[in-house]
């Protein structure tokens, strides 16, 4: 019976070692998986922070544009340059047409 008890102790010892090894492997897997997830989230966070900074810069530019549009002279300047508008007391002279007409009459 002593031999049988020793075998039972050896079997229980081996089962215990296998369980400990399985738990160790499982926790190592969990640790690795969590580390990978953490690194992915940190990378995504950096990208989002960059996007937020770009959006803040764009907001500053747009706020500056709004501030400029409060000035009547600035609105007139933009209308002249971008929309090619003229004032009510001004005359538009198209330089290309004027030069081509002078060239034909010579």
N, C-alpha and C. Protein backbone atom coordinates (compact mmCIF):
# COMPACT_ATOMS: atom_id res chain seq x y z
N UNK A 1 0.80 -1.19 0.00
CA UNK A 1 0.00 0.00 0.00
C UNK A 1 0.85 1.28 0.00
N UNK A 2 2.00 1.21 0.55
CA UNK A 2 2.91 2.34 0.58
C UNK A 2 3.37 2.69 -0.83
N UNK A 3 3.53 1.66 -1.65
CA UNK A 3 3.94 1.87 -3.04
C UNK A 3 2.80 2.56 -3.80
N UNK A 4 1.59 2.13 -3.54
CA UNK A 4 0.43 2.73 -4.19
C UNK A 4 0.27 4.19 -3.76
N UNK A 5 0.51 4.51 -2.52
CA UNK A 5 0.41 5.88 -2.01
C UNK A 5 1.47 6.75 -2.67
N UNK A 6 2.67 6.19 -2.83
CA UNK A 6 3.75 6.94 -3.48
C UNK A 6 3.39 7.22 -4.94
N UNK A 7 2.78 6.25 -5.63
CA UNK A 7 2.36 6.45 -7.02
C UNK A 7 1.30 7.54 -7.09
N UNK A 8 0.34 7.50 -6.17
CA UNK A 8 -0.71 8.54 -6.13
C UNK A 8 -0.11 9.93 -5.90
N UNK A 9 0.86 10.00 -5.02
CA UNK A 9 1.52 11.29 -4.75
C UNK A 9 2.27 11.75 -6.00
N UNK A 10 2.96 10.83 -6.70
CA UNK A 10 3.68 11.19 -7.93
C UNK A 10 2.70 11.65 -9.00
N UNK A 11 1.58 10.94 -9.14
CA UNK A 11 0.57 11.32 -10.15
C UNK A 11 -0.02 12.69 -9.81
N UNK A 12 -0.37 12.88 -8.54
CA UNK A 12 -0.92 14.17 -8.13
C UNK A 12 0.10 15.28 -8.32
N UNK A 13 1.34 14.98 -8.06
CA UNK A 13 2.41 15.97 -8.24
C UNK A 13 2.55 16.34 -9.71
N UNK A 14 2.51 15.34 -10.60
CA UNK A 14 2.61 15.60 -12.04
C UNK A 14 1.40 16.38 -12.54
N UNK A 15 0.21 16.03 -12.08
CA UNK A 15 -1.00 16.75 -12.48
C UNK A 15 -0.92 18.20 -12.01
N UNK A 16 -0.45 18.38 -10.78
CA UNK A 16 -0.31 19.73 -10.25
C UNK A 16 0.69 20.54 -11.09
N UNK A 17 1.80 19.93 -11.47
CA UNK A 17 2.80 20.61 -12.30
C UNK A 17 2.22 20.97 -13.66
N UNK A 18 1.46 20.06 -14.25
CA UNK A 18 0.84 20.33 -15.56
C UNK A 18 -0.16 21.47 -15.44
N UNK A 19 -0.94 21.48 -14.36
CA UNK A 19 -1.91 22.57 -14.16
C UNK A 19 -1.19 23.90 -13.99
N UNK A 20 -0.11 23.90 -13.22
CA UNK A 20 0.68 25.12 -13.03
C UNK A 20 1.26 25.59 -14.36
N UNK A 21 1.76 24.67 -15.16
CA UNK A 21 2.32 25.04 -16.47
C UNK A 21 1.22 25.59 -17.37
N UNK A 22 0.05 24.95 -17.38
CA UNK A 22 -1.06 25.45 -18.21
C UNK A 22 -1.48 26.86 -17.78
N UNK A 23 -1.60 27.07 -16.47
CA UNK A 23 -1.95 28.41 -15.98
C UNK A 23 -0.89 29.44 -16.37
N UNK A 24 0.38 29.04 -16.27
CA UNK A 24 1.47 29.95 -16.63
C UNK A 24 1.39 30.31 -18.11
N UNK A 25 1.19 29.32 -18.95
CA UNK A 25 1.08 29.58 -20.40
C UNK A 25 -0.13 30.46 -20.68
N UNK A 26 -1.25 30.16 -20.04
CA UNK A 26 -2.46 30.95 -20.25
C UNK A 26 -2.25 32.40 -19.85
N UNK A 27 -1.64 32.63 -18.70
CA UNK A 27 -1.41 34.01 -18.25
C UNK A 27 -0.36 34.73 -19.11
N UNK A 28 0.60 33.98 -19.62
CA UNK A 28 1.56 34.60 -20.55
C UNK A 28 0.85 35.01 -21.83
N UNK A 29 -0.05 34.17 -22.32
CA UNK A 29 -0.84 34.52 -23.51
C UNK A 29 -1.68 35.77 -23.24
N UNK A 30 -2.34 35.81 -22.10
CA UNK A 30 -3.14 36.99 -21.75
C UNK A 30 -2.28 38.25 -21.69
N UNK A 31 -1.13 38.13 -21.07
CA UNK A 31 -0.23 39.28 -20.96
C UNK A 31 0.21 39.76 -22.34
N UNK A 32 0.59 38.83 -23.20
CA UNK A 32 1.01 39.17 -24.57
C UNK A 32 -0.14 39.84 -25.32
N UNK A 33 -1.32 39.27 -25.25
CA UNK A 33 -2.49 39.81 -25.94
C UNK A 33 -2.81 41.22 -25.46
N UNK A 34 -2.77 41.42 -24.16
CA UNK A 34 -3.06 42.74 -23.60
C UNK A 34 -1.98 43.75 -24.01
N UNK A 35 -0.75 43.33 -24.08
CA UNK A 35 0.33 44.22 -24.50
C UNK A 35 0.13 44.66 -25.95
N UNK A 36 -0.22 43.72 -26.81
CA UNK A 36 -0.48 44.05 -28.22
C UNK A 36 -1.65 45.02 -28.32
N UNK A 37 -2.73 44.76 -27.60
CA UNK A 37 -3.89 45.66 -27.61
C UNK A 37 -3.51 47.05 -27.11
N UNK A 38 -2.72 47.10 -26.07
CA UNK A 38 -2.28 48.38 -25.51
C UNK A 38 -1.48 49.18 -26.53
N UNK A 39 -0.55 48.52 -27.21
CA UNK A 39 0.26 49.21 -28.21
C UNK A 39 -0.59 49.71 -29.38
N UNK A 40 -1.55 48.92 -29.80
CA UNK A 40 -2.46 49.35 -30.88
C UNK A 40 -3.27 50.57 -30.44
N UNK A 41 -3.77 50.54 -29.22
CA UNK A 41 -4.55 51.67 -28.71
C UNK A 41 -3.69 52.93 -28.57
N UNK A 42 -2.45 52.77 -28.15
CA UNK A 42 -1.57 53.93 -28.03
C UNK A 42 -1.28 54.53 -29.41
N UNK A 43 -1.11 53.68 -30.40
CA UNK A 43 -0.88 54.16 -31.76
C UNK A 43 -2.11 54.91 -32.27
N UNK A 44 -3.28 54.34 -32.03
CA UNK A 44 -4.51 55.00 -32.45
C UNK A 44 -4.69 56.33 -31.71
N UNK A 45 -4.32 56.36 -30.44
CA UNK A 45 -4.42 57.59 -29.65
C UNK A 45 -3.54 58.69 -30.24
N UNK A 46 -2.31 58.33 -30.61
CA UNK A 46 -1.41 59.30 -31.21
C UNK A 46 -1.99 59.86 -32.51
N UNK A 47 -2.58 58.99 -33.33
CA UNK A 47 -3.20 59.44 -34.58
C UNK A 47 -4.35 60.39 -34.29
N UNK A 48 -5.18 60.06 -33.30
CA UNK A 48 -6.32 60.91 -32.96
C UNK A 48 -5.85 62.25 -32.40
N UNK A 49 -4.79 62.24 -31.60
CA UNK A 49 -4.26 63.50 -31.07
C UNK A 49 -3.73 64.37 -32.20
N UNK A 50 -3.12 63.74 -33.20
CA UNK A 50 -2.63 64.48 -34.36
C UNK A 50 -3.82 65.08 -35.12
N UNK A 51 -4.88 64.28 -35.30
CA UNK A 51 -6.08 64.78 -35.98
C UNK A 51 -6.71 65.94 -35.21
N UNK A 52 -6.73 65.84 -33.89
CA UNK A 52 -7.29 66.92 -33.05
C UNK A 52 -6.46 68.18 -33.22
N UNK A 53 -5.14 68.05 -33.23
CA UNK A 53 -4.27 69.22 -33.40
C UNK A 53 -4.50 69.87 -34.76
N UNK A 54 -4.62 69.05 -35.81
CA UNK A 54 -4.89 69.59 -37.15
C UNK A 54 -6.23 70.30 -37.18
N UNK A 55 -7.23 69.73 -36.52
CA UNK A 55 -8.56 70.36 -36.48
C UNK A 55 -8.49 71.68 -35.72
N UNK A 56 -7.72 71.73 -34.64
CA UNK A 56 -7.58 72.99 -33.89
C UNK A 56 -6.92 74.07 -34.75
N UNK A 57 -5.91 73.67 -35.52
CA UNK A 57 -5.24 74.64 -36.40
C UNK A 57 -6.21 75.14 -37.47
N UNK A 58 -7.01 74.24 -38.01
CA UNK A 58 -7.99 74.64 -39.03
C UNK A 58 -9.04 75.58 -38.42
N UNK A 59 -9.45 75.30 -37.19
CA UNK A 59 -10.42 76.17 -36.51
C UNK A 59 -9.83 77.55 -36.32
N UNK A 60 -8.54 77.63 -35.93
CA UNK A 60 -7.89 78.93 -35.77
C UNK A 60 -7.87 79.70 -37.08
N UNK A 61 -7.55 79.00 -38.17
CA UNK A 61 -7.53 79.66 -39.48
C UNK A 61 -8.92 80.17 -39.86
N UNK A 62 -9.93 79.35 -39.62
CA UNK A 62 -11.30 79.75 -39.96
C UNK A 62 -11.78 80.91 -39.08
N UNK A 63 -11.40 80.89 -37.80
CA UNK A 63 -11.77 82.00 -36.92
C UNK A 63 -11.09 83.29 -37.38
N UNK A 64 -9.84 83.17 -37.85
CA UNK A 64 -9.15 84.34 -38.38
C UNK A 64 -9.85 84.86 -39.63
N UNK A 65 -10.29 83.93 -40.49
CA UNK A 65 -11.02 84.34 -41.69
C UNK A 65 -12.32 85.04 -41.31
N UNK A 66 -13.01 84.53 -40.31
CA UNK A 66 -14.26 85.18 -39.85
C UNK A 66 -13.95 86.57 -39.33
N UNK A 67 -12.87 86.68 -38.56
CA UNK A 67 -12.47 87.99 -38.03
C UNK A 67 -12.17 88.96 -39.17
N UNK A 68 -11.48 88.48 -40.19
CA UNK A 68 -11.16 89.34 -41.34
C UNK A 68 -12.42 89.79 -42.07
N UNK A 69 -13.41 88.90 -42.14
CA UNK A 69 -14.63 89.24 -42.87
C UNK A 69 -15.49 90.26 -42.13
N UNK A 70 -15.18 90.52 -40.88
CA UNK A 70 -15.88 91.58 -40.15
C UNK A 70 -15.43 92.96 -40.63
N UNK A 71 -14.30 93.05 -41.28
CA UNK A 71 -13.77 94.31 -41.78
C UNK A 71 -14.29 94.54 -43.20
N UNK A 72 -14.97 95.67 -43.42
CA UNK A 72 -15.59 95.96 -44.73
C UNK A 72 -14.54 96.06 -45.82
N UNK A 73 -13.41 96.66 -45.53
CA UNK A 73 -12.35 96.81 -46.53
C UNK A 73 -11.81 95.43 -46.94
N UNK A 74 -11.70 94.54 -45.99
CA UNK A 74 -11.21 93.20 -46.30
C UNK A 74 -12.21 92.44 -47.18
N UNK A 75 -13.49 92.62 -46.91
CA UNK A 75 -14.53 91.98 -47.73
C UNK A 75 -14.46 92.51 -49.16
N UNK A 76 -14.28 93.81 -49.30
CA UNK A 76 -14.16 94.40 -50.65
C UNK A 76 -12.92 93.86 -51.36
N UNK A 77 -11.81 93.75 -50.63
CA UNK A 77 -10.59 93.25 -51.24
C UNK A 77 -10.77 91.80 -51.71
N UNK A 78 -11.40 90.99 -50.91
CA UNK A 78 -11.64 89.59 -51.30
C UNK A 78 -12.58 89.54 -52.51
N UNK A 79 -13.61 90.38 -52.50
CA UNK A 79 -14.55 90.42 -53.63
C UNK A 79 -13.84 90.82 -54.91
N UNK A 80 -12.93 91.76 -54.82
CA UNK A 80 -12.19 92.21 -56.01
C UNK A 80 -11.25 91.11 -56.52
N UNK A 81 -10.49 90.52 -55.59
CA UNK A 81 -9.47 89.56 -56.00
C UNK A 81 -10.06 88.21 -56.43
N UNK A 82 -10.99 87.69 -55.65
CA UNK A 82 -11.47 86.34 -55.92
C UNK A 82 -12.70 86.31 -56.83
N UNK A 83 -13.56 87.29 -56.71
CA UNK A 83 -14.79 87.29 -57.50
C UNK A 83 -14.75 88.28 -58.67
N UNK A 84 -13.68 89.07 -58.74
CA UNK A 84 -13.49 90.08 -59.80
C UNK A 84 -14.66 91.06 -59.87
N UNK A 85 -15.12 91.47 -58.70
CA UNK A 85 -16.19 92.46 -58.64
C UNK A 85 -15.59 93.86 -58.65
N UNK A 86 -16.40 94.82 -59.06
CA UNK A 86 -15.95 96.22 -59.07
C UNK A 86 -16.96 97.05 -58.30
N UNK A 87 -16.51 98.23 -57.87
CA UNK A 87 -17.38 99.15 -57.15
C UNK A 87 -18.38 99.80 -58.07
N UNK A 88 -19.42 100.43 -57.50
CA UNK A 88 -20.47 101.05 -58.32
C UNK A 88 -19.95 102.27 -59.08
N UNK A 89 -18.90 102.90 -58.61
CA UNK A 89 -18.36 104.09 -59.28
C UNK A 89 -17.10 103.76 -60.09
N UNK A 90 -16.86 102.49 -60.37
CA UNK A 90 -15.67 102.09 -61.11
C UNK A 90 -16.06 101.53 -62.48
N UNK A 91 -15.08 101.55 -63.38
CA UNK A 91 -15.27 101.02 -64.74
C UNK A 91 -14.26 99.89 -64.94
N UNK A 92 -14.74 98.76 -65.44
CA UNK A 92 -13.88 97.62 -65.69
C UNK A 92 -13.29 97.74 -67.08
N UNK A 93 -11.98 97.69 -67.15
CA UNK A 93 -11.29 97.72 -68.44
C UNK A 93 -10.55 96.40 -68.57
N UNK A 94 -10.92 95.64 -69.59
CA UNK A 94 -10.25 94.38 -69.84
C UNK A 94 -9.02 94.68 -70.68
N UNK A 95 -7.86 94.54 -70.08
CA UNK A 95 -6.61 94.93 -70.72
C UNK A 95 -6.35 94.09 -71.96
N UNK A 96 -6.66 92.85 -71.96
CA UNK A 96 -6.41 91.99 -73.12
C UNK A 96 -7.25 92.46 -74.31
N UNK A 97 -8.54 92.72 -74.09
CA UNK A 97 -9.40 93.18 -75.17
C UNK A 97 -8.96 94.55 -75.66
N UNK A 98 -8.60 95.43 -74.75
CA UNK A 98 -8.18 96.79 -75.11
C UNK A 98 -6.91 96.74 -75.97
N UNK A 99 -5.97 95.87 -75.60
CA UNK A 99 -4.72 95.78 -76.38
C UNK A 99 -5.00 95.16 -77.74
N UNK A 100 -5.88 94.17 -77.84
CA UNK A 100 -6.14 93.55 -79.13
C UNK A 100 -6.88 94.52 -80.06
N UNK A 101 -7.73 95.39 -79.52
CA UNK A 101 -8.43 96.38 -80.35
C UNK A 101 -7.44 97.42 -80.86
N UNK A 102 -6.49 97.82 -80.07
CA UNK A 102 -5.48 98.78 -80.50
C UNK A 102 -4.60 98.16 -81.59
N UNK A 103 -4.31 96.89 -81.48
CA UNK A 103 -3.50 96.19 -82.47
C UNK A 103 -4.21 96.09 -83.80
N UNK A 104 -5.53 95.99 -83.83
CA UNK A 104 -6.29 95.87 -85.06
C UNK A 104 -6.41 97.23 -85.75
N UNK A 105 -6.49 98.29 -84.97
CA UNK A 105 -6.67 99.61 -85.57
C UNK A 105 -5.36 100.15 -86.11
N UNK A 106 -4.21 99.61 -85.72
CA UNK A 106 -2.92 100.12 -86.21
C UNK A 106 -2.60 99.64 -87.55
